[in-house]
Amino acid sequence: MATIKEVVLKHHKKEDGTYNIKFRLTHNRKVTYINTNHFAGEKQLKKDFTIKDRFLLSVISTEIAKYRMRLLELDCMLMHLDVKQLANRLVQPDENAVIDIIAFARQYVSELKEQGRNGTAYPILTVINSLCDYFGSQKVEIERINSIMLPDYERYLRKERRFKRKNQFGKDVYYVSKGLSDSGLHNHMRDLRTLFNAARDRFNDEDLGLISIKRYPFKKHKVIEAPMTAKRALTVKQIVKIIGFKCNPGSRAELAKEIFLLSFYMCGMNAKDIYDLSQSSISNKRVNYNRSKTRSRRKDSAFISINLIPEASPLLFKYINRLRERYADSSNFNKALNKGLKEIGEAIDISSLTAYCARHSFGSIARNECRFSKDDVAFALNHIDHSTRTTDIYIKPDWRIIDDVQFKVVSLLKKCRDKH
């Protein structure tokens, strides 16, 4: 039997001190949660975190009554649904009802953030704002996203646009945005397609023949291909110039330089993974972590073990656990990092210097200068999922391969540095 009840989770406290009220759905002894648009402050809650505010309870009770009625309607189907599928059926509107893509998108973004997938969530927020600007409304029926609308939407995105947003004080601020390039347009339309596909996954159930979103405009309208990106790999000599760059102690440039070098020494470790590292990640002079960008998409959770070499050790211990005190999140950290690197790049004549150049440079030097195989370079960069490749299912990962790549790349850098 399926049951549904309002709950407030203690650990889901927002920055403003409120808690999001959720509906806990229990089905076949499994539990999932349905987000709501309701929030409660501590004064509206009892000590056991149940709701005491009468008005809020009346509103929530009305919604729960609708869900319970929906459970009765789905009675014959319940045995065929797991708890996640049942939750999707409850939040799915009636077949003839209108699906608001903006409302769904905001809920989808909230779910992504709760999963720690901010890198996916923030581009979807950009899509939400752009769709609202394009249609001139905060509500957009999903049927309006169609193969006729999409080409006109692309033309709109390519033009200079003036739009209004609320600042941190709630005041309206006007901005001007340049038209998107081919690369920017590709990313934006790709993210819109991702959002549309997520809506289809939520509201359609082909196994049960429940199809609320019948059209798929991206079958006819193809997303523009991304242009070839400029190579971001640096030469060994350019990295030596970065090492030799003099920074003011405690400056943003110093942070950028040292994190860049730490990333390079640690086989191109991403800035977000450096930000997330803790003391528990270090064991037996190795840094063990799961690459954040791909851990949710890989069966091995993108785990890798990197040797903590002498060049990297002082940099790592200088910043570990301190970056989160200095920056609210990895996004702000990455912005500061790239601003500092831009400053360094302008000073030593390296154009478009970013944190990701460290990763590209490590891989390119390992392949082109040290002559490692592409498989070994991919292994060092943590691109290979050993649990999905047939042969690798039988082979235990040998981190010494990565150690060899790391040693030869860093040795080449030291050799070049000694010459200069």
Protein backbone atom coordinates (compact mmCIF):
# COMPACT_ATOMS: atom_id res chain seq x y z
CA MET A 1 0.00 0.00 0.00
CA ALA A 2 1.28 3.46 -0.92
CA THR A 3 1.20 6.28 1.64
CA ILE A 4 2.07 9.96 1.44
CA LYS A 5 2.79 12.44 4.23
CA GLU A 6 4.34 15.90 4.63
CA VAL A 7 7.79 16.01 6.22
CA VAL A 8 10.51 18.53 7.04
CA LEU A 9 14.08 17.24 6.85
CA LYS A 10 16.43 18.78 9.44
CA HIS A 11 19.48 18.65 7.19
CA HIS A 12 17.74 20.52 4.35
CA LYS A 13 17.90 23.92 6.00
CA LYS A 14 18.26 26.78 3.52
CA GLU A 15 20.65 29.73 3.84
CA ASP A 16 17.72 31.96 4.86
CA GLY A 17 16.91 29.66 7.79
CA THR A 18 13.81 28.05 6.23
CA TYR A 19 13.11 24.43 5.39
CA ASN A 20 11.55 23.09 2.22
CA ILE A 21 8.45 21.02 2.97
CA LYS A 22 8.48 17.71 1.13
CA PHE A 23 5.99 14.92 0.66
CA ARG A 24 7.35 11.53 1.70
CA LEU A 25 5.98 8.78 -0.51
CA THR A 26 6.26 5.19 0.75
CA HIS A 27 5.51 2.30 -1.58
CA ASN A 28 6.49 -1.36 -1.21
CA ARG A 29 8.70 -0.39 1.77
CA LYS A 30 10.70 2.02 -0.39
CA VAL A 31 10.75 5.77 0.18
CA THR A 32 11.21 8.80 -2.05
CA TYR A 33 10.48 12.51 -1.64
CA ILE A 34 8.44 14.92 -3.74
CA ASN A 35 9.52 18.56 -3.63
CA THR A 36 6.94 21.27 -2.97
CA ASN A 37 6.92 25.04 -3.35
CA HIS A 38 6.27 25.50 0.39
CA PHE A 39 8.81 26.58 3.00
CA ALA A 40 8.55 26.81 6.77
CA GLY A 41 10.52 28.86 9.27
CA GLU A 42 11.48 27.55 12.69
CA LYS A 43 8.55 29.40 14.31
CA GLN A 44 6.16 27.41 12.11
CA LEU A 45 7.59 24.08 13.27
CA LYS A 46 7.39 22.08 16.48
CA LYS A 47 10.49 20.73 18.20
CA ASP A 48 10.09 17.40 16.38
CA PHE A 49 10.03 19.29 13.05
CA THR A 50 6.34 18.66 12.38
CA ILE A 51 4.33 21.63 11.10
CA LYS A 52 2.28 23.61 13.62
CA ASP A 53 1.25 26.58 11.44
CA ARG A 54 -2.49 26.04 10.79
CA PHE A 55 -2.68 27.94 7.53
CA LEU A 56 0.30 26.08 6.12
CA LEU A 57 -1.19 22.78 7.26
CA SER A 58 -4.49 23.54 5.51
CA VAL A 59 -2.71 24.32 2.23
CA ILE A 60 -0.59 21.19 2.44
CA SER A 61 -3.55 19.02 3.44
CA THR A 62 -5.38 20.09 0.28
CA GLU A 63 -2.42 19.04 -1.88
CA ILE A 64 -2.01 15.72 -0.08
CA ALA A 65 -5.71 15.02 -0.56
CA LYS A 66 -5.23 15.45 -4.32
CA TYR A 67 -2.26 13.06 -4.27
CA ARG A 68 -4.24 10.48 -2.29
CA MET A 69 -7.09 10.71 -4.77
CA ARG A 70 -4.53 10.15 -7.53
CA LEU A 71 -3.27 7.06 -5.66
CA LEU A 72 -6.81 5.68 -5.65
CA GLU A 73 -7.08 6.29 -9.40
CA LEU A 74 -3.78 4.47 -9.97
CA ASP A 75 -4.77 1.54 -7.76
CA CYS A 76 -4.67 -1.12 -10.49
CA MET A 77 -1.29 0.17 -11.67
CA LEU A 78 0.50 0.31 -8.32
CA MET A 79 1.83 -3.23 -8.48
CA HIS A 80 3.64 -2.40 -11.74
CA LEU A 81 5.36 0.75 -10.43
CA ASP A 82 8.35 1.21 -8.17
CA VAL A 83 8.38 4.15 -5.77
CA LYS A 84 10.20 6.50 -8.19
CA GLN A 85 7.83 5.69 -11.04
CA LEU A 86 4.87 6.20 -8.74
CA ALA A 87 6.19 9.60 -7.66
CA ASN A 88 6.47 10.59 -11.32
CA ARG A 89 2.89 9.49 -11.93
CA LEU A 90 1.68 11.59 -8.99
CA VAL A 91 3.36 14.79 -10.13
CA GLN A 92 2.41 14.19 -13.76
CA PRO A 93 -0.58 16.31 -14.77
CA ASP A 94 -3.64 14.82 -16.38
CA GLU A 95 -3.25 13.85 -20.02
CA ASN A 96 -5.15 16.92 -21.21
CA ALA A 97 -3.55 19.32 -18.74
CA VAL A 98 -0.88 21.81 -19.77
CA ILE A 99 2.73 21.12 -18.81
CA ASP A 100 4.55 24.30 -17.84
CA ILE A 101 8.17 23.79 -18.97
CA ILE A 102 9.34 26.69 -16.75
CA ALA A 103 7.76 25.25 -13.59
CA PHE A 104 9.22 21.84 -14.39
CA ALA A 105 12.62 23.35 -15.16
CA ARG A 106 12.79 25.11 -11.78
CA GLN A 107 11.98 21.86 -10.00
CA TYR A 108 14.53 20.02 -12.14
CA VAL A 109 17.22 22.58 -11.25
CA SER A 110 16.38 22.17 -7.56
CA GLU A 111 16.79 18.40 -7.86
CA LEU A 112 20.12 18.77 -9.67
CA LYS A 113 21.46 21.07 -6.95
CA GLU A 114 20.40 18.62 -4.23
CA GLN A 115 22.38 15.95 -6.10
CA GLY A 116 25.41 18.23 -6.16
CA ARG A 117 25.21 18.59 -9.97
CA ASN A 118 25.63 22.37 -10.07
CA GLY A 119 27.56 22.15 -13.34
CA THR A 120 24.36 20.90 -15.01
CA ALA A 121 21.96 23.04 -12.97
CA TYR A 122 23.38 26.51 -13.71
CA PRO A 123 23.21 26.24 -17.54
CA ILE A 124 19.58 25.12 -17.22
CA LEU A 125 18.89 28.27 -15.17
CA THR A 126 20.26 30.30 -18.08
CA VAL A 127 17.86 28.48 -20.42
CA ILE A 128 14.93 29.20 -18.06
CA ASN A 129 15.69 32.93 -17.99
CA SER A 130 16.15 33.07 -21.75
CA LEU A 131 12.85 31.27 -22.44
CA CYS A 132 11.01 33.64 -20.10
CA ASP A 133 12.57 36.61 -21.90
CA TYR A 134 11.76 35.20 -25.34
CA PHE A 135 8.10 34.44 -24.56
CA GLY A 136 7.66 37.43 -22.24
CA SER A 137 6.15 35.20 -19.58
CA GLN A 138 7.07 33.19 -16.48
CA LYS A 139 4.82 30.37 -17.69
CA VAL A 140 5.46 28.55 -20.97
CA GLU A 141 3.45 25.56 -22.18
CA ILE A 142 5.78 22.83 -23.41
CA GLU A 143 3.81 22.62 -26.67
CA ARG A 144 5.24 26.05 -27.55
CA ILE A 145 8.71 24.49 -27.76
CA ASN A 146 8.36 23.14 -31.30
CA SER A 147 10.21 22.87 -34.62
CA ILE A 148 8.70 26.16 -35.83
CA MET A 149 9.70 28.08 -32.70
CA LEU A 150 13.27 26.75 -32.41
CA PRO A 151 14.79 28.44 -35.54
CA ASP A 152 13.27 31.78 -34.50
CA TYR A 153 14.57 31.26 -30.96
CA GLU A 154 18.09 30.70 -32.35
CA ARG A 155 17.87 33.96 -34.33
CA TYR A 156 16.77 35.70 -31.13
CA LEU A 157 19.76 34.30 -29.23
CA ARG A 158 22.21 35.49 -31.90
CA LYS A 159 21.08 39.11 -31.54
CA GLU A 160 22.13 41.59 -28.86
CA ARG A 161 19.52 41.45 -26.10
CA ARG A 162 18.51 43.73 -23.23
CA PHE A 163 16.92 41.99 -20.25
CA LYS A 164 15.93 42.60 -16.66
CA ARG A 165 16.98 40.61 -13.58
CA LYS A 166 16.63 41.01 -9.82
CA ASN A 167 19.86 41.79 -7.96
CA GLN A 168 20.73 40.50 -4.48
CA PHE A 169 18.65 43.31 -2.96
CA GLY A 170 15.55 42.43 -4.99
CA LYS A 171 15.82 45.48 -7.23
CA ASP A 172 15.41 45.37 -11.02
CA VAL A 173 18.69 45.71 -12.93
CA TYR A 174 18.95 45.91 -16.71
CA TYR A 175 21.67 44.09 -18.60
CA VAL A 176 22.79 43.94 -22.22
CA SER A 177 23.97 40.63 -23.65
CA LYS A 178 25.82 40.17 -26.92
CA GLY A 179 24.46 37.68 -29.42
CA LEU A 180 25.69 34.12 -28.98
CA SER A 181 28.49 32.71 -31.11
CA ASP A 182 28.25 29.29 -32.76
CA SER A 183 29.84 27.75 -29.69
CA GLY A 184 27.54 29.56 -27.27
CA LEU A 185 24.48 28.74 -29.36
CA HIS A 186 25.45 25.06 -29.47
CA ASN A 187 25.78 24.94 -25.68
CA HIS A 188 22.50 26.78 -25.08
CA MET A 189 20.43 24.65 -27.47
CA ARG A 190 22.10 21.49 -26.14
CA ASP A 191 21.03 22.49 -22.62
CA LEU A 192 17.48 23.23 -23.83
CA ARG A 193 17.39 19.76 -25.39
CA THR A 194 18.63 18.27 -22.11
CA LEU A 195 15.79 20.03 -20.29
CA PHE A 196 13.22 18.86 -22.84
CA ASN A 197 14.47 15.27 -22.60
CA ALA A 198 14.25 15.43 -18.79
CA ALA A 199 10.62 16.54 -19.09
CA ARG A 200 9.87 13.63 -21.42
CA ASP A 201 11.48 11.22 -18.97
CA ARG A 202 9.38 12.69 -16.15
CA PHE A 203 5.99 12.89 -17.84
CA ASN A 204 6.09 10.03 -20.37
CA ASP A 205 6.00 6.32 -19.57
CA GLU A 206 6.18 4.30 -22.77
CA ASP A 207 5.97 0.97 -20.93
CA LEU A 208 2.57 1.92 -19.53
CA GLY A 209 1.52 3.82 -22.65
CA LEU A 210 1.26 7.14 -20.81
CA ILE A 211 2.53 9.80 -23.22
CA SER A 212 1.88 13.38 -22.13
CA ILE A 213 4.57 15.01 -24.33
CA LYS A 214 3.80 13.67 -27.77
CA ARG A 215 6.07 15.82 -29.95
CA TYR A 216 9.86 15.87 -30.08
CA PRO A 217 11.00 19.01 -31.95
CA PHE A 218 14.71 18.10 -31.80
CA LYS A 219 14.14 15.22 -34.20
CA LYS A 220 13.47 17.70 -36.98
CA HIS A 221 15.45 20.66 -35.68
CA LYS A 222 19.08 19.68 -35.19
CA VAL A 223 21.24 21.47 -32.66
CA ILE A 224 24.04 23.37 -34.38
CA GLU A 225 27.35 21.51 -34.22
CA ALA A 226 29.99 22.89 -31.89
CA PRO A 227 32.94 24.47 -33.71
CA MET A 228 36.40 23.05 -33.21
CA THR A 229 37.76 24.50 -30.00
CA ALA A 230 41.18 26.06 -29.86
CA LYS A 231 43.78 23.76 -28.37
CA ARG A 232 44.39 24.73 -24.76
CA ALA A 233 47.62 22.78 -24.27
CA LEU A 234 50.75 24.72 -23.32
CA THR A 235 54.33 23.85 -24.15
CA VAL A 236 56.79 22.79 -21.47
CA LYS A 237 58.54 26.16 -21.86
CA GLN A 238 55.30 28.04 -21.25
CA ILE A 239 54.67 26.11 -18.03
CA VAL A 240 58.22 26.94 -16.93
CA LYS A 241 57.35 30.63 -17.50
CA ILE A 242 54.33 30.21 -15.21
CA ILE A 243 56.56 28.63 -12.54
CA GLY A 244 58.95 31.59 -12.80
CA PHE A 245 56.22 34.25 -12.59
CA LYS A 246 56.61 36.36 -9.43
CA CYS A 247 53.39 36.94 -7.47
CA ASN A 248 52.58 39.02 -4.44
CA PRO A 249 52.12 36.73 -1.41
CA GLY A 250 48.46 36.08 -0.68
CA SER A 251 47.32 37.54 -4.00
CA ARG A 252 44.78 36.02 -6.36
CA ALA A 253 47.57 35.58 -8.90
CA GLU A 254 49.57 33.51 -6.41
CA LEU A 255 46.55 31.30 -5.73
CA ALA A 256 45.96 30.88 -9.48
CA LYS A 257 49.59 30.03 -10.21
CA GLU A 258 49.90 27.47 -7.41
CA ILE A 259 46.57 25.75 -8.08
CA PHE A 260 47.43 25.58 -11.79
CA LEU A 261 50.74 23.88 -10.98
CA LEU A 262 49.09 21.58 -8.43
CA SER A 263 46.60 20.51 -11.08
CA PHE A 264 49.40 19.85 -13.55
CA TYR A 265 51.51 17.88 -11.05
CA MET A 266 48.43 15.80 -10.12
CA CYS A 267 47.80 14.63 -13.68
CA GLY A 268 45.41 17.42 -14.63
CA MET A 269 43.14 17.26 -11.58
CA ASN A 270 40.11 19.51 -12.06
CA ALA A 271 39.78 22.66 -9.95
CA LYS A 272 36.48 21.43 -8.46
CA ASP A 273 38.14 18.20 -7.31
CA ILE A 274 40.95 20.19 -5.70
CA TYR A 275 38.32 22.34 -3.98
CA ASP A 276 36.49 19.23 -2.69
CA LEU A 277 39.59 17.44 -1.34
CA SER A 278 39.83 16.75 2.38
CA GLN A 279 42.43 15.20 4.64
CA SER A 280 40.64 11.86 4.34
CA SER A 281 41.46 11.84 0.61
CA ILE A 282 45.16 11.33 1.41
CA SER A 283 46.46 7.89 2.33
CA ASN A 284 49.95 6.37 2.07
CA LYS A 285 51.25 9.42 0.17
CA ARG A 286 48.50 9.06 -2.45
CA VAL A 287 45.49 11.22 -3.22
CA ASN A 288 42.38 9.12 -3.76
CA TYR A 289 39.22 10.73 -5.11
CA ASN A 290 36.28 10.37 -7.49
CA ARG A 291 36.30 12.80 -10.40
CA SER A 292 33.23 14.97 -9.86
CA LYS A 293 32.54 15.59 -13.54
CA THR A 294 31.94 11.93 -14.39
CA ARG A 295 31.43 9.99 -11.15
CA SER A 296 27.64 9.94 -11.53
CA ARG A 297 27.93 8.55 -15.09
CA ARG A 298 30.47 5.80 -14.52
CA LYS A 299 30.09 2.42 -12.87
CA ASP A 300 33.48 2.81 -11.17
CA SER A 301 32.39 6.26 -9.86
CA ALA A 302 35.41 7.73 -11.69
CA PHE A 303 37.78 6.72 -8.88
CA ILE A 304 41.49 7.42 -9.29
CA SER A 305 44.60 7.27 -7.12
CA ILE A 306 47.43 9.76 -7.76
CA ASN A 307 50.92 9.71 -6.25
CA LEU A 308 51.48 12.77 -4.04
CA ILE A 309 54.88 13.75 -5.44
CA PRO A 310 57.23 16.24 -3.67
CA GLU A 311 56.41 19.02 -6.16
CA ALA A 312 52.68 18.79 -5.37
CA SER A 313 52.77 18.05 -1.64
CA PRO A 314 53.50 21.57 -0.25
CA LEU A 315 50.92 23.12 -2.58
CA LEU A 316 48.25 20.61 -1.61
CA PHE A 317 48.78 21.01 2.13
CA LYS A 318 48.82 24.79 1.76
CA TYR A 319 45.28 24.85 0.34
CA ILE A 320 43.52 21.67 1.49
CA ASN A 321 40.46 22.43 3.64
CA ARG A 322 41.14 26.18 3.29
CA LEU A 323 39.62 26.80 -0.11
CA ARG A 324 36.12 26.17 1.26
CA GLU A 325 36.74 28.78 3.95
CA ARG A 326 37.78 31.33 1.34
CA TYR A 327 35.16 30.55 -1.36
CA ALA A 328 31.48 29.72 -0.85
CA ASP A 329 31.47 27.11 -3.60
CA SER A 330 33.64 25.63 -6.34
CA SER A 331 32.07 27.93 -8.96
CA ASN A 332 33.30 31.07 -7.18
CA PHE A 333 36.68 29.41 -6.65
CA ASN A 334 36.95 28.61 -10.36
CA LYS A 335 36.05 32.19 -11.33
CA ALA A 336 38.76 33.60 -9.04
CA LEU A 337 41.22 31.06 -10.39
CA ASN A 338 40.62 32.02 -14.01
CA LYS A 339 40.77 35.75 -13.24
CA GLY A 340 44.17 35.22 -11.62
CA LEU A 341 45.37 33.12 -14.55
CA LYS A 342 44.21 35.76 -17.02
CA GLU A 343 46.36 38.27 -15.15
CA ILE A 344 49.35 35.92 -15.32
CA GLY A 345 48.73 35.12 -18.99
CA GLU A 346 48.70 38.79 -19.94
CA ALA A 347 51.94 39.37 -18.03
CA ILE A 348 53.87 36.49 -19.65
CA ASP A 349 52.18 36.60 -23.07
CA ILE A 350 50.11 33.40 -22.88
CA SER A 351 46.66 34.06 -24.33
CA SER A 352 43.48 32.41 -23.01
CA LEU A 353 45.19 30.92 -19.96
CA THR A 354 42.62 29.05 -17.82
CA ALA A 355 42.66 26.37 -15.16
CA TYR A 356 41.69 23.74 -17.72
CA CYS A 357 44.92 24.41 -19.63
CA ALA A 358 46.77 22.46 -16.93
CA ARG A 359 44.79 19.32 -17.75
CA HIS A 360 45.14 19.74 -21.51
CA SER A 361 48.85 20.43 -21.15
CA PHE A 362 49.53 17.38 -18.99
CA GLY A 363 47.76 15.10 -21.47
CA SER A 364 49.41 16.60 -24.54
CA ILE A 365 52.92 16.52 -23.06
CA ALA A 366 52.43 12.93 -21.89
CA ARG A 367 51.38 11.86 -25.38
CA ASN A 368 53.46 14.06 -27.69
CA GLU A 369 56.65 14.62 -25.72
CA CYS A 370 56.88 11.54 -23.51
CA ARG A 371 55.33 9.26 -26.15
CA PHE A 372 52.90 7.41 -23.88
CA SER A 373 50.06 5.54 -25.56
CA LYS A 374 46.65 7.18 -25.78
CA ASP A 375 45.25 4.53 -23.44
CA ASP A 376 47.85 5.29 -20.77
CA VAL A 377 47.24 9.04 -21.11
CA ALA A 378 43.48 8.49 -20.89
CA PHE A 379 44.04 6.37 -17.77
CA ALA A 380 46.14 9.12 -16.17
CA LEU A 381 43.47 11.70 -17.02
CA ASN A 382 40.78 9.42 -15.55
CA HIS A 383 38.89 9.10 -18.83
CA ILE A 384 38.62 5.31 -18.79
CA ASP A 385 35.82 3.45 -17.03
CA HIS A 386 37.42 0.12 -16.17
CA SER A 387 34.13 -1.48 -15.23
CA THR A 388 32.54 -1.07 -18.66
CA ARG A 389 35.31 -2.09 -21.05
CA THR A 390 35.12 -5.85 -21.57
CA THR A 391 38.83 -6.58 -21.14
CA ASP A 392 39.24 -4.26 -18.18
CA ILE A 393 36.53 -6.08 -16.24
CA TYR A 394 39.18 -8.75 -15.61
CA ILE A 395 42.07 -6.36 -14.92
CA LYS A 396 42.61 -4.63 -11.60
CA PRO A 397 43.61 -0.97 -12.11
CA ASP A 398 47.37 -0.59 -11.74
CA TRP A 399 48.05 2.90 -10.46
CA ARG A 400 51.77 2.46 -11.20
CA ILE A 401 50.93 3.15 -14.85
CA ILE A 402 49.72 6.60 -13.84
CA ASP A 403 52.78 7.02 -11.62
CA ASP A 404 55.03 6.41 -14.63
CA VAL A 405 53.18 8.96 -16.75
CA GLN A 406 53.27 11.51 -13.94
CA PHE A 407 56.98 10.92 -13.24
CA LYS A 408 58.12 11.35 -16.85
CA VAL A 409 55.99 14.44 -17.51
CA VAL A 410 57.17 16.19 -14.34
CA SER A 411 60.77 15.08 -14.98
CA LEU A 412 60.62 16.65 -18.45
CA LEU A 413 59.36 19.87 -16.88
CA LYS A 414 62.19 19.88 -14.29
CA LYS A 415 64.75 19.22 -17.02
CA CYS A 416 63.50 22.16 -19.07
CA ARG A 417 63.39 24.37 -15.99
CA ASP A 418 67.00 23.50 -15.06
CA LYS A 419 68.14 24.57 -18.52
CA HIS A 420 66.61 27.99 -17.98
